[in-house]
Amino acid sequence: MSSLSMLLRCLLVPLQRSQILVPSTCVAEVVPYSAPMRVAEAPPWMLGTLEWRCESISAIDLDGVLDGQVGERATKSRWAIMRGVNGEAGTDHYAVLTRGLPRLVTLERRMVVPESVGELPLAALSQVRIGGQLAYLPALQYIESAIARFPTTAVAC
């Protein structure tokens, strides 16, 4: 097997208080911050909905899903539009609040070191160290199932 096939292109996505590492194909687009429309009776991590490409998508604070604490939005916040992996209604795409722009990283297996932590949040598969930085590998199916409990309404363009 060639060394090129052993490389994985990922995005290191800065959240408000932590960061996640996802395959680059998971992020459809990064857009400027705009205030979401609130969703009634939603948990604090469900920030609301956004209109994106004539579609109403859920907007979440992934730090809030990971640790239960929703903080203040950073001054250079953006939305990372994620592609859904679950195939559940309402999670074809969703927006994750970021603290700046995701960074493209090309990784080899040896560059990703599992970090021993206590109990992981349900929304994380593991925590890893990449070149001295900690990042969560998010449990995207769990996150999308949580989002699907709060359906959005269609937007007509």
N, C-alpha and C. Protein backbone atom coordinates (compact mmCIF):
# COMPACT_ATOMS: atom_id res chain seq x y z
N MET A 1 0.84 -1.18 0.00
CA MET A 1 0.00 0.00 0.00
C MET A 1 0.88 1.24 0.00
N SER A 2 0.57 2.20 -0.82
CA SER A 2 1.39 3.40 -0.91
C SER A 2 1.21 4.27 0.33
N SER A 3 2.22 5.09 0.59
CA SER A 3 2.13 5.97 1.76
C SER A 3 1.03 7.00 1.60
N LEU A 4 0.67 7.36 0.35
CA LEU A 4 -0.40 8.33 0.14
C LEU A 4 -1.74 7.81 0.64
N SER A 5 -1.98 6.49 0.54
CA SER A 5 -3.25 5.95 1.00
C SER A 5 -3.34 5.89 2.51
N MET A 6 -2.25 6.12 3.19
CA MET A 6 -2.24 6.10 4.64
C MET A 6 -2.50 7.48 5.25
N LEU A 7 -2.69 8.46 4.39
CA LEU A 7 -2.94 9.82 4.85
C LEU A 7 -4.44 10.10 4.89
N LEU A 8 -4.86 10.87 5.87
CA LEU A 8 -6.26 11.25 6.00
C LEU A 8 -6.34 12.77 6.09
N ARG A 9 -7.17 13.36 5.23
CA ARG A 9 -7.39 14.81 5.27
C ARG A 9 -8.52 15.08 6.25
N CYS A 10 -8.22 15.88 7.24
CA CYS A 10 -9.19 16.20 8.30
C CYS A 10 -9.26 17.70 8.50
N LEU A 11 -10.28 18.10 9.22
CA LEU A 11 -10.40 19.48 9.65
C LEU A 11 -10.36 19.52 11.17
N LEU A 12 -9.55 20.41 11.68
CA LEU A 12 -9.51 20.69 13.11
C LEU A 12 -10.40 21.91 13.29
N VAL A 13 -11.57 21.69 13.89
CA VAL A 13 -12.59 22.73 13.98
C VAL A 13 -12.57 23.32 15.39
N PRO A 14 -12.21 24.62 15.52
CA PRO A 14 -12.19 25.24 16.84
C PRO A 14 -13.61 25.58 17.29
N LEU A 15 -14.00 25.03 18.42
CA LEU A 15 -15.30 25.37 18.99
C LEU A 15 -15.09 26.57 19.91
N GLN A 16 -16.03 26.84 20.79
CA GLN A 16 -15.87 27.99 21.69
C GLN A 16 -14.85 27.69 22.80
N ARG A 17 -14.83 26.44 23.33
CA ARG A 17 -13.92 26.09 24.41
C ARG A 17 -13.06 24.86 24.14
N SER A 18 -13.32 24.16 23.08
CA SER A 18 -12.54 22.97 22.74
C SER A 18 -12.44 22.90 21.23
N GLN A 19 -12.08 21.76 20.70
CA GLN A 19 -12.05 21.59 19.25
C GLN A 19 -12.36 20.14 18.90
N ILE A 20 -12.79 19.95 17.66
CA ILE A 20 -13.10 18.61 17.18
C ILE A 20 -12.25 18.33 15.95
N LEU A 21 -12.03 17.05 15.70
CA LEU A 21 -11.32 16.59 14.51
C LEU A 21 -12.29 15.74 13.72
N VAL A 22 -12.56 16.15 12.47
CA VAL A 22 -13.49 15.42 11.61
C VAL A 22 -12.87 15.25 10.23
N PRO A 23 -13.27 14.20 9.49
CA PRO A 23 -12.84 14.11 8.09
C PRO A 23 -13.29 15.36 7.34
N SER A 24 -12.47 15.81 6.41
CA SER A 24 -12.78 17.06 5.70
C SER A 24 -14.10 16.97 4.94
N THR A 25 -14.53 15.79 4.57
CA THR A 25 -15.79 15.65 3.83
C THR A 25 -17.02 15.92 4.70
N CYS A 26 -16.85 15.97 6.01
CA CYS A 26 -17.99 16.23 6.92
C CYS A 26 -18.44 17.68 6.89
N VAL A 27 -17.55 18.58 6.51
CA VAL A 27 -17.89 20.01 6.51
C VAL A 27 -18.21 20.45 5.09
N ALA A 28 -19.44 20.90 4.89
CA ALA A 28 -19.89 21.34 3.56
C ALA A 28 -19.41 22.75 3.26
N GLU A 29 -19.42 23.61 4.28
CA GLU A 29 -19.11 25.02 4.05
C GLU A 29 -18.92 25.69 5.41
N VAL A 30 -18.16 26.78 5.42
CA VAL A 30 -18.04 27.62 6.61
C VAL A 30 -18.60 28.98 6.22
N VAL A 31 -19.55 29.50 7.01
CA VAL A 31 -20.22 30.75 6.68
C VAL A 31 -20.08 31.73 7.85
N PRO A 32 -20.20 33.04 7.55
CA PRO A 32 -20.13 34.03 8.63
C PRO A 32 -21.25 33.82 9.65
N TYR A 33 -20.99 34.28 10.85
CA TYR A 33 -21.98 34.16 11.92
C TYR A 33 -23.19 35.03 11.60
N SER A 34 -24.36 34.47 11.82
CA SER A 34 -25.61 35.23 11.83
C SER A 34 -26.43 34.65 12.98
N ALA A 35 -27.21 35.49 13.61
CA ALA A 35 -27.97 35.05 14.77
C ALA A 35 -29.02 34.02 14.37
N PRO A 36 -29.08 32.90 15.07
CA PRO A 36 -30.09 31.89 14.77
C PRO A 36 -31.45 32.28 15.33
N MET A 37 -32.50 31.71 14.75
CA MET A 37 -33.85 31.89 15.29
C MET A 37 -34.07 30.80 16.34
N ARG A 38 -34.49 31.20 17.53
CA ARG A 38 -34.66 30.26 18.64
C ARG A 38 -35.70 29.20 18.33
N VAL A 39 -35.52 28.03 18.93
CA VAL A 39 -36.46 26.92 18.83
C VAL A 39 -37.11 26.76 20.20
N ALA A 40 -38.44 26.76 20.24
CA ALA A 40 -39.16 26.65 21.51
C ALA A 40 -38.86 25.31 22.18
N GLU A 41 -38.71 25.37 23.49
CA GLU A 41 -38.54 24.19 24.33
C GLU A 41 -37.34 23.33 23.95
N ALA A 42 -36.30 23.96 23.46
CA ALA A 42 -35.07 23.25 23.10
C ALA A 42 -34.05 23.41 24.23
N PRO A 43 -33.12 22.47 24.37
CA PRO A 43 -32.07 22.61 25.38
C PRO A 43 -31.14 23.77 25.03
N PRO A 44 -30.36 24.25 25.99
CA PRO A 44 -29.49 25.41 25.73
C PRO A 44 -28.49 25.21 24.58
N TRP A 45 -28.02 24.00 24.35
CA TRP A 45 -27.05 23.76 23.28
C TRP A 45 -27.67 23.89 21.89
N MET A 46 -29.01 23.78 21.81
CA MET A 46 -29.72 23.99 20.53
C MET A 46 -29.94 25.49 20.41
N LEU A 47 -29.09 26.15 19.65
CA LEU A 47 -29.12 27.61 19.57
C LEU A 47 -30.27 28.12 18.71
N GLY A 48 -30.80 27.26 17.84
CA GLY A 48 -31.92 27.66 17.00
C GLY A 48 -31.78 27.10 15.61
N THR A 49 -32.28 27.86 14.63
CA THR A 49 -32.18 27.45 13.24
C THR A 49 -31.60 28.57 12.40
N LEU A 50 -30.99 28.19 11.30
CA LEU A 50 -30.44 29.13 10.33
C LEU A 50 -31.01 28.81 8.97
N GLU A 51 -31.09 29.81 8.12
CA GLU A 51 -31.44 29.56 6.72
C GLU A 51 -30.13 29.40 5.97
N TRP A 52 -29.98 28.27 5.30
CA TRP A 52 -28.78 27.98 4.52
C TRP A 52 -29.21 27.33 3.21
N ARG A 53 -28.92 27.96 2.12
CA ARG A 53 -29.27 27.44 0.79
C ARG A 53 -30.74 27.04 0.69
N CYS A 54 -31.61 27.93 1.09
CA CYS A 54 -33.07 27.72 1.06
C CYS A 54 -33.51 26.56 1.93
N GLU A 55 -32.77 26.26 2.93
CA GLU A 55 -33.08 25.17 3.85
C GLU A 55 -32.96 25.69 5.27
N SER A 56 -33.87 25.29 6.14
CA SER A 56 -33.78 25.65 7.54
C SER A 56 -33.02 24.52 8.24
N ILE A 57 -31.87 24.87 8.82
CA ILE A 57 -31.05 23.85 9.46
C ILE A 57 -30.86 24.18 10.94
N SER A 58 -30.64 23.16 11.73
CA SER A 58 -30.40 23.34 13.16
C SER A 58 -29.03 23.96 13.39
N ALA A 59 -28.95 24.83 14.38
CA ALA A 59 -27.70 25.48 14.76
C ALA A 59 -27.40 25.11 16.20
N ILE A 60 -26.22 24.52 16.42
CA ILE A 60 -25.91 24.02 17.77
C ILE A 60 -24.58 24.56 18.29
N ASP A 61 -24.47 24.55 19.61
CA ASP A 61 -23.22 24.81 20.30
C ASP A 61 -22.70 23.43 20.69
N LEU A 62 -21.73 22.91 19.94
CA LEU A 62 -21.24 21.55 20.18
C LEU A 62 -20.54 21.44 21.52
N ASP A 63 -19.90 22.51 21.99
CA ASP A 63 -19.34 22.48 23.35
C ASP A 63 -20.44 22.18 24.36
N GLY A 64 -21.61 22.78 24.16
CA GLY A 64 -22.74 22.53 25.05
C GLY A 64 -23.21 21.09 25.01
N VAL A 65 -23.16 20.46 23.84
CA VAL A 65 -23.51 19.04 23.73
C VAL A 65 -22.45 18.20 24.45
N LEU A 66 -21.18 18.59 24.32
CA LEU A 66 -20.08 17.83 24.92
C LEU A 66 -20.05 17.95 26.44
N ASP A 67 -20.18 19.19 26.96
CA ASP A 67 -20.01 19.35 28.41
C ASP A 67 -21.22 19.95 29.13
N GLY A 68 -22.28 20.23 28.40
CA GLY A 68 -23.49 20.73 29.05
C GLY A 68 -23.47 22.20 29.37
N GLN A 69 -22.38 22.90 29.04
CA GLN A 69 -22.27 24.33 29.36
C GLN A 69 -22.22 25.14 28.08
N VAL A 70 -23.17 26.04 27.93
CA VAL A 70 -23.19 26.92 26.76
C VAL A 70 -22.62 28.25 27.19
N GLY A 71 -21.58 28.69 26.50
CA GLY A 71 -20.92 29.94 26.87
C GLY A 71 -21.25 31.06 25.93
N GLU A 72 -20.51 32.11 26.07
CA GLU A 72 -20.66 33.28 25.20
C GLU A 72 -20.03 32.99 23.85
N ARG A 73 -20.58 33.59 22.84
CA ARG A 73 -20.06 33.45 21.49
C ARG A 73 -18.78 34.28 21.36
N ALA A 74 -17.76 33.69 20.72
CA ALA A 74 -16.50 34.39 20.48
C ALA A 74 -16.70 35.48 19.43
N THR A 75 -15.81 36.47 19.43
CA THR A 75 -15.97 37.59 18.50
C THR A 75 -15.78 37.18 17.04
N LYS A 76 -15.00 36.16 16.75
CA LYS A 76 -14.79 35.72 15.37
C LYS A 76 -15.53 34.43 15.08
N SER A 77 -16.71 34.30 15.64
CA SER A 77 -17.50 33.08 15.44
C SER A 77 -17.96 32.95 14.00
N ARG A 78 -18.09 31.70 13.59
CA ARG A 78 -18.62 31.35 12.28
C ARG A 78 -19.49 30.11 12.46
N TRP A 79 -20.12 29.71 11.40
CA TRP A 79 -20.88 28.46 11.41
C TRP A 79 -20.19 27.48 10.47
N ALA A 80 -19.90 26.29 10.96
CA ALA A 80 -19.43 25.20 10.11
C ALA A 80 -20.68 24.40 9.75
N ILE A 81 -21.00 24.34 8.47
CA ILE A 81 -22.17 23.59 8.02
C ILE A 81 -21.72 22.14 7.83
N MET A 82 -22.28 21.28 8.65
CA MET A 82 -21.90 19.87 8.66
C MET A 82 -22.84 19.05 7.79
N ARG A 83 -22.30 18.05 7.12
CA ARG A 83 -23.11 17.09 6.37
C ARG A 83 -23.54 16.00 7.35
N GLY A 84 -24.81 15.67 7.36
CA GLY A 84 -25.31 14.62 8.24
C GLY A 84 -24.83 13.25 7.78
N VAL A 85 -24.54 12.39 8.74
CA VAL A 85 -24.12 11.02 8.43
C VAL A 85 -25.20 10.00 8.80
N ASN A 86 -26.18 10.45 9.56
CA ASN A 86 -27.21 9.54 10.09
C ASN A 86 -28.32 9.21 9.10
N GLY A 87 -28.61 10.14 8.22
CA GLY A 87 -29.72 9.94 7.30
C GLY A 87 -31.08 10.17 7.93
N GLU A 88 -31.12 10.70 9.16
CA GLU A 88 -32.39 10.99 9.83
C GLU A 88 -32.97 12.28 9.27
N ALA A 89 -34.28 12.35 9.24
CA ALA A 89 -34.95 13.56 8.76
C ALA A 89 -34.51 14.75 9.62
N GLY A 90 -34.20 15.84 8.96
CA GLY A 90 -33.82 17.05 9.69
C GLY A 90 -32.34 17.17 9.98
N THR A 91 -31.54 16.16 9.63
CA THR A 91 -30.11 16.26 9.89
C THR A 91 -29.27 16.04 8.64
N ASP A 92 -29.82 16.37 7.47
CA ASP A 92 -29.00 16.30 6.25
C ASP A 92 -27.83 17.27 6.37
N HIS A 93 -28.11 18.44 6.94
CA HIS A 93 -27.09 19.44 7.25
C HIS A 93 -27.46 20.10 8.57
N TYR A 94 -26.46 20.55 9.29
CA TYR A 94 -26.68 21.32 10.51
C TYR A 94 -25.46 22.20 10.73
N ALA A 95 -25.63 23.26 11.51
CA ALA A 95 -24.58 24.24 11.73
C ALA A 95 -23.99 24.09 13.12
N VAL A 96 -22.66 24.12 13.18
CA VAL A 96 -21.94 24.06 14.45
C VAL A 96 -21.23 25.40 14.65
N LEU A 97 -21.43 26.01 15.80
CA LEU A 97 -20.80 27.28 16.13
C LEU A 97 -19.30 27.07 16.31
N THR A 98 -18.49 27.86 15.57
CA THR A 98 -17.03 27.74 15.68
C THR A 98 -16.43 29.04 16.18
N ARG A 99 -15.20 28.94 16.60
CA ARG A 99 -14.42 30.10 17.03
C ARG A 99 -13.35 30.33 15.97
N GLY A 100 -13.74 30.80 14.83
CA GLY A 100 -12.79 31.01 13.75
C GLY A 100 -12.94 29.95 12.67
N LEU A 101 -11.92 29.84 11.85
CA LEU A 101 -11.96 28.94 10.71
C LEU A 101 -11.37 27.57 11.03
N PRO A 102 -11.99 26.51 10.53
CA PRO A 102 -11.39 25.18 10.65
C PRO A 102 -10.05 25.16 9.90
N ARG A 103 -9.16 24.31 10.38
CA ARG A 103 -7.83 24.21 9.78
C ARG A 103 -7.66 22.84 9.15
N LEU A 104 -7.26 22.80 7.90
CA LEU A 104 -7.03 21.54 7.21
C LEU A 104 -5.74 20.92 7.72
N VAL A 105 -5.81 19.64 8.11
CA VAL A 105 -4.62 18.90 8.53
C VAL A 105 -4.59 17.57 7.79
N THR A 106 -3.43 17.19 7.33
CA THR A 106 -3.24 15.89 6.71
C THR A 106 -2.52 15.03 7.72
N LEU A 107 -3.14 13.93 8.09
CA LEU A 107 -2.64 13.13 9.20
C LEU A 107 -2.24 11.73 8.78
N GLU A 108 -1.24 11.22 9.47
CA GLU A 108 -0.91 9.81 9.43
C GLU A 108 -1.36 9.24 10.76
N ARG A 109 -1.61 7.95 10.79
CA ARG A 109 -2.11 7.30 12.01
C ARG A 109 -1.23 7.61 13.22
N ARG A 110 0.10 7.60 13.04
CA ARG A 110 1.01 7.81 14.18
C ARG A 110 0.92 9.23 14.76
N MET A 111 0.34 10.16 13.99
CA MET A 111 0.24 11.54 14.45
C MET A 111 -0.93 11.77 15.41
N VAL A 112 -1.86 10.82 15.47
CA VAL A 112 -3.04 10.95 16.32
C VAL A 112 -2.86 10.02 17.52
N VAL A 113 -2.66 10.62 18.69
CA VAL A 113 -2.39 9.86 19.91
C VAL A 113 -3.62 9.91 20.82
N PRO A 114 -4.20 8.74 21.13
CA PRO A 114 -5.36 8.74 22.05
C PRO A 114 -4.96 9.34 23.40
N GLU A 115 -5.83 10.16 23.93
CA GLU A 115 -5.59 10.81 25.22
C GLU A 115 -6.42 10.10 26.27
N SER A 116 -5.79 9.72 27.32
CA SER A 116 -6.50 9.05 28.40
C SER A 116 -7.20 10.10 29.26
N VAL A 117 -8.52 10.05 29.23
CA VAL A 117 -9.33 10.97 30.04
C VAL A 117 -10.28 10.12 30.87
N GLY A 118 -10.87 10.72 31.84
CA GLY A 118 -11.85 9.99 32.64
C GLY A 118 -13.01 9.54 31.77
N GLU A 119 -14.17 9.90 32.16
CA GLU A 119 -15.36 9.53 31.41
C GLU A 119 -15.57 10.52 30.27
N LEU A 120 -15.72 9.97 29.07
CA LEU A 120 -15.97 10.82 27.91
C LEU A 120 -17.44 11.22 27.85
N PRO A 121 -17.72 12.40 27.29
CA PRO A 121 -19.12 12.77 27.05
C PRO A 121 -19.74 11.81 26.04
N LEU A 122 -21.04 11.64 26.10
CA LEU A 122 -21.73 10.77 25.15
C LEU A 122 -21.53 11.24 23.71
N ALA A 123 -21.31 12.53 23.52
CA ALA A 123 -21.16 13.10 22.18
C ALA A 123 -19.74 12.96 21.63
N ALA A 124 -18.86 12.23 22.33
CA ALA A 124 -17.48 12.05 21.88
C ALA A 124 -17.12 10.58 21.83
N LEU A 125 -16.47 10.18 20.75
CA LEU A 125 -15.97 8.81 20.64
C LEU A 125 -14.67 8.66 21.42
N SER A 126 -13.83 9.70 21.35
CA SER A 126 -12.58 9.71 22.11
C SER A 126 -12.01 11.12 22.09
N GLN A 127 -10.93 11.26 22.83
CA GLN A 127 -10.18 12.51 22.81
C GLN A 127 -8.77 12.14 22.36
N VAL A 128 -8.20 12.95 21.47
CA VAL A 128 -6.89 12.66 20.92
C VAL A 128 -5.98 13.87 21.03
N ARG A 129 -4.69 13.58 20.94
CA ARG A 129 -3.68 14.65 20.92
C ARG A 129 -3.03 14.63 19.54
N ILE A 130 -3.02 15.81 18.92
CA ILE A 130 -2.42 15.97 17.59
C ILE A 130 -1.40 17.09 17.70
N GLY A 131 -0.14 16.75 17.66
CA GLY A 131 0.90 17.78 17.73
C GLY A 131 0.76 18.67 18.94
N GLY A 132 0.45 18.11 20.08
CA GLY A 132 0.34 18.88 21.31
C GLY A 132 -1.03 19.49 21.57
N GLN A 133 -1.96 19.37 20.63
CA GLN A 133 -3.30 19.93 20.80
C GLN A 133 -4.30 18.82 21.09
N LEU A 134 -5.22 19.08 22.00
CA LEU A 134 -6.29 18.12 22.28
C LEU A 134 -7.48 18.39 21.38
N ALA A 135 -8.12 17.32 20.96
CA ALA A 135 -9.34 17.44 20.15
C ALA A 135 -10.23 16.25 20.43
N TYR A 136 -11.53 16.47 20.34
CA TYR A 136 -12.49 15.38 20.44
C TYR A 136 -12.74 14.80 19.06
N LEU A 137 -12.94 13.50 19.00
CA LEU A 137 -13.50 12.85 17.83
C LEU A 137 -14.98 12.75 18.15
N PRO A 138 -15.82 13.55 17.50
CA PRO A 138 -17.23 13.60 17.89
C PRO A 138 -17.99 12.35 17.45
N ALA A 139 -18.98 11.99 18.25
CA ALA A 139 -19.89 10.89 17.93
C ALA A 139 -21.01 11.49 17.10
N LEU A 140 -20.78 11.63 15.80
CA LEU A 140 -21.71 12.36 14.94
C LEU A 140 -23.10 11.75 14.92
N GLN A 141 -23.20 10.43 14.95
CA GLN A 141 -24.53 9.81 14.95
C GLN A 141 -25.30 10.16 16.22
N TYR A 142 -24.63 10.18 17.36
CA TYR A 142 -25.28 10.57 18.61
C TYR A 142 -25.73 12.04 18.54
N ILE A 143 -24.86 12.90 18.06
CA ILE A 143 -25.17 14.33 17.97
C ILE A 143 -26.36 14.56 17.04
N GLU A 144 -26.35 13.89 15.90
CA GLU A 144 -27.44 14.07 14.94
C GLU A 144 -28.75 13.50 15.46
N SER A 145 -28.70 12.42 16.22
CA SER A 145 -29.92 11.89 16.83
C SER A 145 -30.50 12.88 17.84
N ALA A 146 -29.62 13.55 18.59
CA ALA A 146 -30.07 14.57 19.54
C ALA A 146 -30.70 15.75 18.80
N ILE A 147 -30.10 16.16 17.69
CA ILE A 147 -30.64 17.27 16.90
C ILE A 147 -32.01 16.91 16.33
N ALA A 148 -32.16 15.68 15.87
CA ALA A 148 -33.40 15.24 15.22
C ALA A 148 -34.60 15.31 16.15
N ARG A 149 -34.39 15.37 17.45
CA ARG A 149 -35.50 15.47 18.41
C ARG A 149 -36.15 16.85 18.38
N PHE A 150 -35.51 17.82 17.71
CA PHE A 150 -36.02 19.19 17.66
C PHE A 150 -36.12 19.60 16.19
N PRO A 151 -37.16 19.16 15.50
CA PRO A 151 -37.26 19.40 14.05
C PRO A 151 -37.35 20.88 13.70
N THR A 152 -36.81 21.18 12.52
CA THR A 152 -36.87 22.54 12.00
C THR A 152 -38.01 22.61 10.98
N THR A 153 -38.42 23.82 10.67
CA THR A 153 -39.47 23.99 9.68
C THR A 153 -38.84 24.40 8.35
N ALA A 154 -39.47 24.04 7.27
CA ALA A 154 -38.95 24.32 5.93
C ALA A 154 -38.97 25.81 5.65
N VAL A 155 -38.03 26.25 4.84
CA VAL A 155 -37.94 27.64 4.42
C VAL A 155 -38.24 27.69 2.93
N ALA A 156 -39.09 28.60 2.54
CA ALA A 156 -39.38 28.78 1.11
C ALA A 156 -38.54 29.92 0.57
N CYS A 157 -37.83 29.66 -0.50
CA CYS A 157 -36.98 30.71 -1.11
C CYS A 157 -37.67 31.33 -2.28
